[in-house]
Amino acid sequence: MIQVEKLGIFLSRPIAFLLVLVYLLQSGLLVYMVIEKFELERQIRSQQTRITELQEKLQIFKAIDDFQIGFTEDEVRRLTDVIYSESEKYDYDPMFIVAIILTESSFRKGQRSPVGASGLMQVMPFVGEDLATRSGIEWEGDETLFKPETNISLGTQHLFEQILKFGDIKEALVAYNMGETRVRSMLRQNHPLPKRYLNKVLETYKMLKETYQA
């Protein structure tokens, strides 16, 4: 009787060990499958984000290429990248930046206005130098503004600062075009702000959205 009990105890140990081993293997497999599931979902999200980014860049590239004057295809690609990255940085719609550039310079390379505003986003040299100094961008005189990528970086920063100062995108756009001092003076005197520039930007923006993001 004692031998049988001992035998029973002896037989139960490997069975218990086997059950524990199976349990551990199942648990490990479950953990592995969960990790694999989350990793697969992460990869899918990453791919979807990449696809969306490429689609947006393609839209920007097409818009630039259709209107630009004087740029090579490689330069258009670089302009696409900087407009996309600056838009991400300041939470702009890239087509909004394209609309401003078209309004300011018609996307013509080397454009300079009669008053000295230069480059794609028509930045005044004194404004560009101040922005460059504060942003750690090397300033090499007025010619710096004819570097398209630098010009866009400075122009988008300048617009963002105007938005922060005025707290209103429409007033900020007018200030970008006319100058902050003039706009503040008009507001203090309760003079209506001119709408020609603002309307042109908004109309161009609408056209770009309908044409390239429909």
C-alpha atoms as a PDB file:
ATOM      1  CA  MET A   1       0.000   0.000   0.000  1.00  0.00           C
ATOM      2  CA  ILE A   2       2.834   2.314   0.881  1.00  0.00           C
ATOM      3  CA  GLN A   3       4.656   1.361  -2.304  1.00  0.00           C
ATOM      4  CA  VAL A   4       1.596   2.191  -4.405  1.00  0.00           C
ATOM      5  CA  GLU A   5       1.293   5.608  -2.759  1.00  0.00           C
ATOM      6  CA  LYS A   6       4.982   6.210  -3.326  1.00  0.00           C
ATOM      7  CA  LEU A   7       4.613   5.111  -6.914  1.00  0.00           C
ATOM      8  CA  GLY A   8       1.661   7.508  -7.339  1.00  0.00           C
ATOM      9  CA  ILE A   9       3.691  10.376  -5.969  1.00  0.00           C
ATOM     10  CA  PHE A  10       6.600   9.425  -8.196  1.00  0.00           C
ATOM     11  CA  LEU A  11       4.413   9.379 -11.326  1.00  0.00           C
ATOM     12  CA  SER A  12       2.700  12.698 -10.534  1.00  0.00           C
ATOM     13  CA  ARG A  13       5.918  14.691 -10.515  1.00  0.00           C
ATOM     14  CA  PRO A  14       6.878  14.325 -14.205  1.00  0.00           C
ATOM     15  CA  ILE A  15       3.255  14.884 -15.187  1.00  0.00           C
ATOM     16  CA  ALA A  16       3.134  18.088 -13.130  1.00  0.00           C
ATOM     17  CA  PHE A  17       6.453  19.169 -14.591  1.00  0.00           C
ATOM     18  CA  LEU A  18       5.165  18.469 -18.072  1.00  0.00           C
ATOM     19  CA  LEU A  19       2.014  20.484 -17.431  1.00  0.00           C
ATOM     20  CA  VAL A  20       4.037  23.400 -16.110  1.00  0.00           C
ATOM     21  CA  LEU A  21       6.324  23.195 -19.126  1.00  0.00           C
ATOM     22  CA  VAL A  22       3.359  23.215 -21.514  1.00  0.00           C
ATOM     23  CA  TYR A  23       1.871  26.176 -19.652  1.00  0.00           C
ATOM     24  CA  LEU A  24       5.129  28.102 -19.872  1.00  0.00           C
ATOM     25  CA  LEU A  25       5.482  27.325 -23.566  1.00  0.00           C
ATOM     26  CA  GLN A  26       1.914  28.432 -24.235  1.00  0.00           C
ATOM     27  CA  SER A  27       2.442  31.626 -22.226  1.00  0.00           C
ATOM     28  CA  GLY A  28       5.678  32.341 -24.050  1.00  0.00           C
ATOM     29  CA  LEU A  29       4.021  31.720 -27.394  1.00  0.00           C
ATOM     30  CA  LEU A  30       1.148  34.018 -26.452  1.00  0.00           C
ATOM     31  CA  VAL A  31       3.540  36.795 -25.416  1.00  0.00           C
ATOM     32  CA  TYR A  32       5.482  36.322 -28.645  1.00  0.00           C
ATOM     33  CA  MET A  33       2.304  36.525 -30.721  1.00  0.00           C
ATOM     34  CA  VAL A  34       1.182  39.686 -28.906  1.00  0.00           C
ATOM     35  CA  ILE A  35       4.583  41.319 -29.468  1.00  0.00           C
ATOM     36  CA  GLU A  36       4.532  40.272 -33.113  1.00  0.00           C
ATOM     37  CA  LYS A  37       1.025  41.693 -33.488  1.00  0.00           C
ATOM     38  CA  PHE A  38       2.023  45.081 -32.080  1.00  0.00           C
ATOM     39  CA  GLU A  39       5.210  45.120 -34.160  1.00  0.00           C
ATOM     40  CA  LEU A  40       3.234  44.331 -37.309  1.00  0.00           C
ATOM     41  CA  GLU A  41       0.717  47.073 -36.492  1.00  0.00           C
ATOM     42  CA  ARG A  42       3.593  49.497 -35.887  1.00  0.00           C
ATOM     43  CA  GLN A  43       5.116  48.635 -39.238  1.00  0.00           C
ATOM     44  CA  ILE A  44       1.767  49.068 -40.971  1.00  0.00           C
ATOM     45  CA  ARG A  45       1.252  52.480 -39.346  1.00  0.00           C
ATOM     46  CA  SER A  46       4.781  53.469 -40.312  1.00  0.00           C
ATOM     47  CA  GLN A  47       4.187  52.405 -43.913  1.00  0.00           C
ATOM     48  CA  GLN A  48       0.856  54.226 -44.031  1.00  0.00           C
ATOM     49  CA  THR A  49       2.517  57.383 -42.691  1.00  0.00           C
ATOM     50  CA  ARG A  50       5.260  57.049 -45.295  1.00  0.00           C
ATOM     51  CA  ILE A  51       2.728  56.560 -48.085  1.00  0.00           C
ATOM     52  CA  THR A  52       0.773  59.625 -46.946  1.00  0.00           C
ATOM     53  CA  GLU A  53       3.987  61.658 -46.824  1.00  0.00           C
ATOM     54  CA  LEU A  54       4.970  60.573 -50.331  1.00  0.00           C
ATOM     55  CA  GLN A  55       1.503  61.402 -51.648  1.00  0.00           C
ATOM     56  CA  GLU A  56       1.649  64.879 -50.117  1.00  0.00           C
ATOM     57  CA  LYS A  57       5.141  65.472 -51.498  1.00  0.00           C
ATOM     58  CA  LEU A  58       4.003  64.366 -54.943  1.00  0.00           C
ATOM     59  CA  GLN A  59       1.156  66.901 -54.812  1.00  0.00           C
ATOM     60  CA  ILE A  60       3.582  69.647 -53.755  1.00  0.00           C
ATOM     61  CA  PHE A  61       6.060  68.650 -56.455  1.00  0.00           C
ATOM     62  CA  LYS A  62       3.385  68.777 -59.175  1.00  0.00           C
ATOM     63  CA  ALA A  63       2.158  72.183 -58.013  1.00  0.00           C
ATOM     64  CA  ILE A  64       5.687  73.633 -57.961  1.00  0.00           C
ATOM     65  CA  ASP A  65       6.641  72.075 -61.283  1.00  0.00           C
ATOM     66  CA  ASP A  66       3.552  73.467 -62.996  1.00  0.00           C
ATOM     67  CA  PHE A  67       4.236  77.065 -61.937  1.00  0.00           C
ATOM     68  CA  GLN A  68       7.970  77.429 -61.264  1.00  0.00           C
ATOM     69  CA  ILE A  69      10.155  79.494 -63.550  1.00  0.00           C
ATOM     70  CA  GLY A  70      13.881  78.829 -63.769  1.00  0.00           C
ATOM     71  CA  PHE A  71      14.343  75.776 -61.536  1.00  0.00           C
ATOM     72  CA  THR A  72      15.734  72.379 -62.477  1.00  0.00           C
ATOM     73  CA  GLU A  73      13.932  69.158 -61.609  1.00  0.00           C
ATOM     74  CA  ASP A  74      16.437  68.473 -58.823  1.00  0.00           C
ATOM     75  CA  GLU A  75      15.836  71.946 -57.392  1.00  0.00           C
ATOM     76  CA  VAL A  76      12.084  71.356 -57.521  1.00  0.00           C
ATOM     77  CA  ARG A  77      12.577  68.171 -55.498  1.00  0.00           C
ATOM     78  CA  ARG A  78      14.588  70.068 -52.887  1.00  0.00           C
ATOM     79  CA  LEU A  79      11.958  72.811 -52.764  1.00  0.00           C
ATOM     80  CA  THR A  80       9.324  70.126 -52.249  1.00  0.00           C
ATOM     81  CA  ASP A  81      11.251  68.715 -49.298  1.00  0.00           C
ATOM     82  CA  VAL A  82      11.784  72.077 -47.611  1.00  0.00           C
ATOM     83  CA  ILE A  83       8.168  73.182 -48.062  1.00  0.00           C
ATOM     84  CA  TYR A  84       6.996  69.863 -46.618  1.00  0.00           C
ATOM     85  CA  SER A  85       9.388  69.969 -43.649  1.00  0.00           C
ATOM     86  CA  GLU A  86       8.718  73.629 -42.814  1.00  0.00           C
ATOM     87  CA  SER A  87       4.981  73.009 -43.039  1.00  0.00           C
ATOM     88  CA  GLU A  88       5.339  70.125 -40.599  1.00  0.00           C
ATOM     89  CA  LYS A  89       7.414  72.333 -38.301  1.00  0.00           C
ATOM     90  CA  TYR A  90       4.855  75.150 -38.123  1.00  0.00           C
ATOM     91  CA  ASP A  91       1.694  73.110 -38.762  1.00  0.00           C
ATOM     92  CA  TYR A  92       0.964  74.749 -42.130  1.00  0.00           C
ATOM     93  CA  ASP A  93      -0.826  73.159 -45.035  1.00  0.00           C
ATOM     94  CA  PRO A  94       2.018  72.907 -47.614  1.00  0.00           C
ATOM     95  CA  MET A  95      -0.307  74.225 -50.320  1.00  0.00           C
ATOM     96  CA  PHE A  96      -0.785  77.350 -48.227  1.00  0.00           C
ATOM     97  CA  ILE A  97       2.957  78.026 -48.435  1.00  0.00           C
ATOM     98  CA  VAL A  98       2.909  77.324 -52.170  1.00  0.00           C
ATOM     99  CA  ALA A  99       0.044  79.829 -52.484  1.00  0.00           C
ATOM    100  CA  ILE A 100       2.055  82.521 -50.675  1.00  0.00           C
ATOM    101  CA  ILE A 101       5.092  81.881 -52.870  1.00  0.00           C
ATOM    102  CA  LEU A 102       2.990  82.099 -56.030  1.00  0.00           C
ATOM    103  CA  THR A 103       1.458  85.350 -54.799  1.00  0.00           C
ATOM    104  CA  GLU A 104       4.781  86.821 -53.752  1.00  0.00           C
ATOM    105  CA  SER A 105       7.137  85.798 -56.566  1.00  0.00           C
ATOM    106  CA  SER A 106       5.142  83.687 -59.070  1.00  0.00           C
ATOM    107  CA  PHE A 107       7.670  80.968 -58.171  1.00  0.00           C
ATOM    108  CA  ARG A 108      10.268  82.747 -60.306  1.00  0.00           C
ATOM    109  CA  LYS A 109      13.887  82.052 -59.442  1.00  0.00           C
ATOM    110  CA  GLY A 110      15.946  85.074 -58.376  1.00  0.00           C
ATOM    111  CA  GLN A 111      12.983  87.420 -57.993  1.00  0.00           C
ATOM    112  CA  ARG A 112      13.575  90.817 -56.386  1.00  0.00           C
ATOM    113  CA  SER A 113      10.933  93.505 -55.856  1.00  0.00           C
ATOM    114  CA  PRO A 114      11.460  97.239 -56.467  1.00  0.00           C
ATOM    115  CA  VAL A 115      11.696  97.778 -52.692  1.00  0.00           C
ATOM    116  CA  GLY A 116      14.286  95.031 -52.240  1.00  0.00           C
ATOM    117  CA  ALA A 117      12.195  92.074 -51.053  1.00  0.00           C
ATOM    118  CA  SER A 118      14.016  89.019 -52.347  1.00  0.00           C
ATOM    119  CA  GLY A 119      13.611  85.377 -53.217  1.00  0.00           C
ATOM    120  CA  LEU A 120      10.625  83.101 -53.464  1.00  0.00           C
ATOM    121  CA  MET A 121       8.872  84.426 -50.354  1.00  0.00           C
ATOM    122  CA  GLN A 122      10.008  88.012 -50.958  1.00  0.00           C
ATOM    123  CA  VAL A 123      11.729  88.537 -47.626  1.00  0.00           C
ATOM    124  CA  MET A 124      13.181  91.980 -46.895  1.00  0.00           C
ATOM    125  CA  PRO A 125      16.941  91.818 -46.225  1.00  0.00           C
ATOM    126  CA  PHE A 126      16.754  93.424 -42.761  1.00  0.00           C
ATOM    127  CA  VAL A 127      14.020  90.942 -41.789  1.00  0.00           C
ATOM    128  CA  GLY A 128      15.966  88.017 -43.230  1.00  0.00           C
ATOM    129  CA  GLU A 129      19.162  88.971 -41.404  1.00  0.00           C
ATOM    130  CA  ASP A 130      17.335  89.238 -38.083  1.00  0.00           C
ATOM    131  CA  LEU A 131      15.606  85.893 -38.591  1.00  0.00           C
ATOM    132  CA  ALA A 132      18.828  84.210 -39.685  1.00  0.00           C
ATOM    133  CA  THR A 133      20.748  85.556 -36.679  1.00  0.00           C
ATOM    134  CA  ARG A 134      18.123  84.311 -34.245  1.00  0.00           C
ATOM    135  CA  SER A 135      17.808  80.938 -35.982  1.00  0.00           C
ATOM    136  CA  GLY A 136      21.491  80.148 -36.305  1.00  0.00           C
ATOM    137  CA  ILE A 137      21.404  80.384 -40.101  1.00  0.00           C
ATOM    138  CA  GLU A 138      24.590  81.761 -41.641  1.00  0.00           C
ATOM    139  CA  TRP A 139      23.925  85.185 -43.142  1.00  0.00           C
ATOM    140  CA  GLU A 140      26.064  86.003 -46.179  1.00  0.00           C
ATOM    141  CA  GLY A 141      24.490  89.308 -47.074  1.00  0.00           C
ATOM    142  CA  ASP A 142      21.404  89.925 -49.165  1.00  0.00           C
ATOM    143  CA  GLU A 143      22.363  87.099 -51.533  1.00  0.00           C
ATOM    144  CA  THR A 144      21.415  84.665 -48.779  1.00  0.00           C
ATOM    145  CA  LEU A 145      17.779  85.303 -49.669  1.00  0.00           C
ATOM    146  CA  PHE A 146      18.362  83.994 -53.190  1.00  0.00           C
ATOM    147  CA  LYS A 147      19.094  80.548 -51.799  1.00  0.00           C
ATOM    148  CA  PRO A 148      15.605  79.089 -52.312  1.00  0.00           C
ATOM    149  CA  GLU A 149      15.633  76.648 -49.399  1.00  0.00           C
ATOM    150  CA  THR A 150      16.986  79.255 -46.976  1.00  0.00           C
ATOM    151  CA  ASN A 151      14.469  81.797 -48.240  1.00  0.00           C
ATOM    152  CA  ILE A 152      11.571  79.434 -47.581  1.00  0.00           C
ATOM    153  CA  SER A 153      12.878  78.582 -44.115  1.00  0.00           C
ATOM    154  CA  LEU A 154      13.132  82.265 -43.217  1.00  0.00           C
ATOM    155  CA  GLY A 155       9.836  83.177 -44.859  1.00  0.00           C
ATOM    156  CA  THR A 156       7.844  80.473 -43.094  1.00  0.00           C
ATOM    157  CA  GLN A 157       9.434  81.444 -39.778  1.00  0.00           C
ATOM    158  CA  HIS A 158       8.585  85.107 -40.367  1.00  0.00           C
ATOM    159  CA  LEU A 159       4.957  84.261 -41.136  1.00  0.00           C
ATOM    160  CA  PHE A 160       4.739  82.079 -38.028  1.00  0.00           C
ATOM    161  CA  GLU A 161       6.036  84.916 -35.863  1.00  0.00           C
ATOM    162  CA  GLN A 162       3.469  87.280 -37.350  1.00  0.00           C
ATOM    163  CA  ILE A 163       0.718  84.777 -36.567  1.00  0.00           C
ATOM    164  CA  LEU A 164       1.908  84.588 -32.962  1.00  0.00           C
ATOM    165  CA  LYS A 165       2.075  88.375 -32.652  1.00  0.00           C
ATOM    166  CA  PHE A 166      -1.317  89.166 -34.174  1.00  0.00           C
ATOM    167  CA  GLY A 167      -3.189  86.017 -33.197  1.00  0.00           C
ATOM    168  CA  ASP A 168      -5.062  86.214 -36.476  1.00  0.00           C
ATOM    169  CA  ILE A 169      -3.988  84.542 -39.715  1.00  0.00           C
ATOM    170  CA  LYS A 170      -5.506  87.250 -41.934  1.00  0.00           C
ATOM    171  CA  GLU A 171      -3.839  90.115 -40.092  1.00  0.00           C
ATOM    172  CA  ALA A 172      -0.604  88.122 -40.027  1.00  0.00           C
ATOM    173  CA  LEU A 173      -0.723  87.649 -43.804  1.00  0.00           C
ATOM    174  CA  VAL A 174      -1.274  91.360 -44.386  1.00  0.00           C
ATOM    175  CA  ALA A 175       1.584  92.134 -41.979  1.00  0.00           C
ATOM    176  CA  TYR A 176       3.797  89.671 -43.836  1.00  0.00           C
ATOM    177  CA  ASN A 177       3.113  91.602 -47.018  1.00  0.00           C
ATOM    178  CA  MET A 178       2.970  95.203 -45.766  1.00  0.00           C
ATOM    179  CA  GLY A 179       5.108  95.061 -42.655  1.00  0.00           C
ATOM    180  CA  GLU A 180       4.192  94.707 -39.012  1.00  0.00           C
ATOM    181  CA  THR A 181       4.614  98.402 -38.169  1.00  0.00           C
ATOM    182  CA  ARG A 182       2.214  99.614 -40.871  1.00  0.00           C
ATOM    183  CA  VAL A 183      -0.436  97.059 -39.971  1.00  0.00           C
ATOM    184  CA  ARG A 184      -0.276  97.920 -36.261  1.00  0.00           C
ATOM    185  CA  SER A 185      -0.596 101.598 -37.116  1.00  0.00           C
ATOM    186  CA  MET A 186      -3.676 100.941 -39.246  1.00  0.00           C
ATOM    187  CA  LEU A 187      -5.254  98.814 -36.531  1.00  0.00           C
ATOM    188  CA  ARG A 188      -4.635 101.479 -33.890  1.00  0.00           C
ATOM    189  CA  GLN A 189      -6.359 104.043 -36.073  1.00  0.00           C
ATOM    190  CA  ASN A 190      -9.216 101.636 -36.844  1.00  0.00           C
ATOM    191  CA  HIS A 191      -8.412 101.753 -40.541  1.00  0.00           C
ATOM    192  CA  PRO A 192      -9.556  98.726 -42.545  1.00  0.00           C
ATOM    193  CA  LEU A 193      -6.718  96.559 -43.734  1.00  0.00           C
ATOM    194  CA  PRO A 194      -6.310  96.194 -47.509  1.00  0.00           C
ATOM    195  CA  LYS A 195      -7.700  92.921 -48.817  1.00  0.00           C
ATOM    196  CA  ARG A 196      -6.143  92.623 -52.250  1.00  0.00           C
ATOM    197  CA  TYR A 197      -3.095  90.619 -51.179  1.00  0.00           C
ATOM    198  CA  LEU A 198      -5.055  88.526 -48.692  1.00  0.00           C
ATOM    199  CA  ASN A 199      -7.744  87.674 -51.248  1.00  0.00           C
ATOM    200  CA  LYS A 200      -5.130  86.737 -53.830  1.00  0.00           C
ATOM    201  CA  VAL A 201      -3.411  84.330 -51.428  1.00  0.00           C
ATOM    202  CA  LEU A 202      -6.714  82.734 -50.430  1.00  0.00           C
ATOM    203  CA  GLU A 203      -7.913  82.419 -54.027  1.00  0.00           C
ATOM    204  CA  THR A 204      -4.612  80.846 -55.062  1.00  0.00           C
ATOM    205  CA  TYR A 205      -4.758  78.502 -52.086  1.00  0.00           C
ATOM    206  CA  LYS A 206      -8.281  77.429 -53.030  1.00  0.00           C
ATOM    207  CA  MET A 207      -7.190  76.798 -56.612  1.00  0.00           C
ATOM    208  CA  LEU A 208      -4.236  74.689 -55.496  1.00  0.00           C
ATOM    209  CA  LYS A 209      -6.385  72.610 -53.141  1.00  0.00           C
ATOM    210  CA  GLU A 210      -8.966  71.953 -55.845  1.00  0.00           C
ATOM    211  CA  THR A 211      -6.348  71.149 -58.463  1.00  0.00           C
ATOM    212  CA  TYR A 212      -3.805  69.084 -56.548  1.00  0.00           C
ATOM    213  CA  GLN A 213      -5.620  67.756 -53.466  1.00  0.00           C
ATOM    214  CA  ALA A 214      -9.059  67.020 -54.905  1.00  0.00           C
END
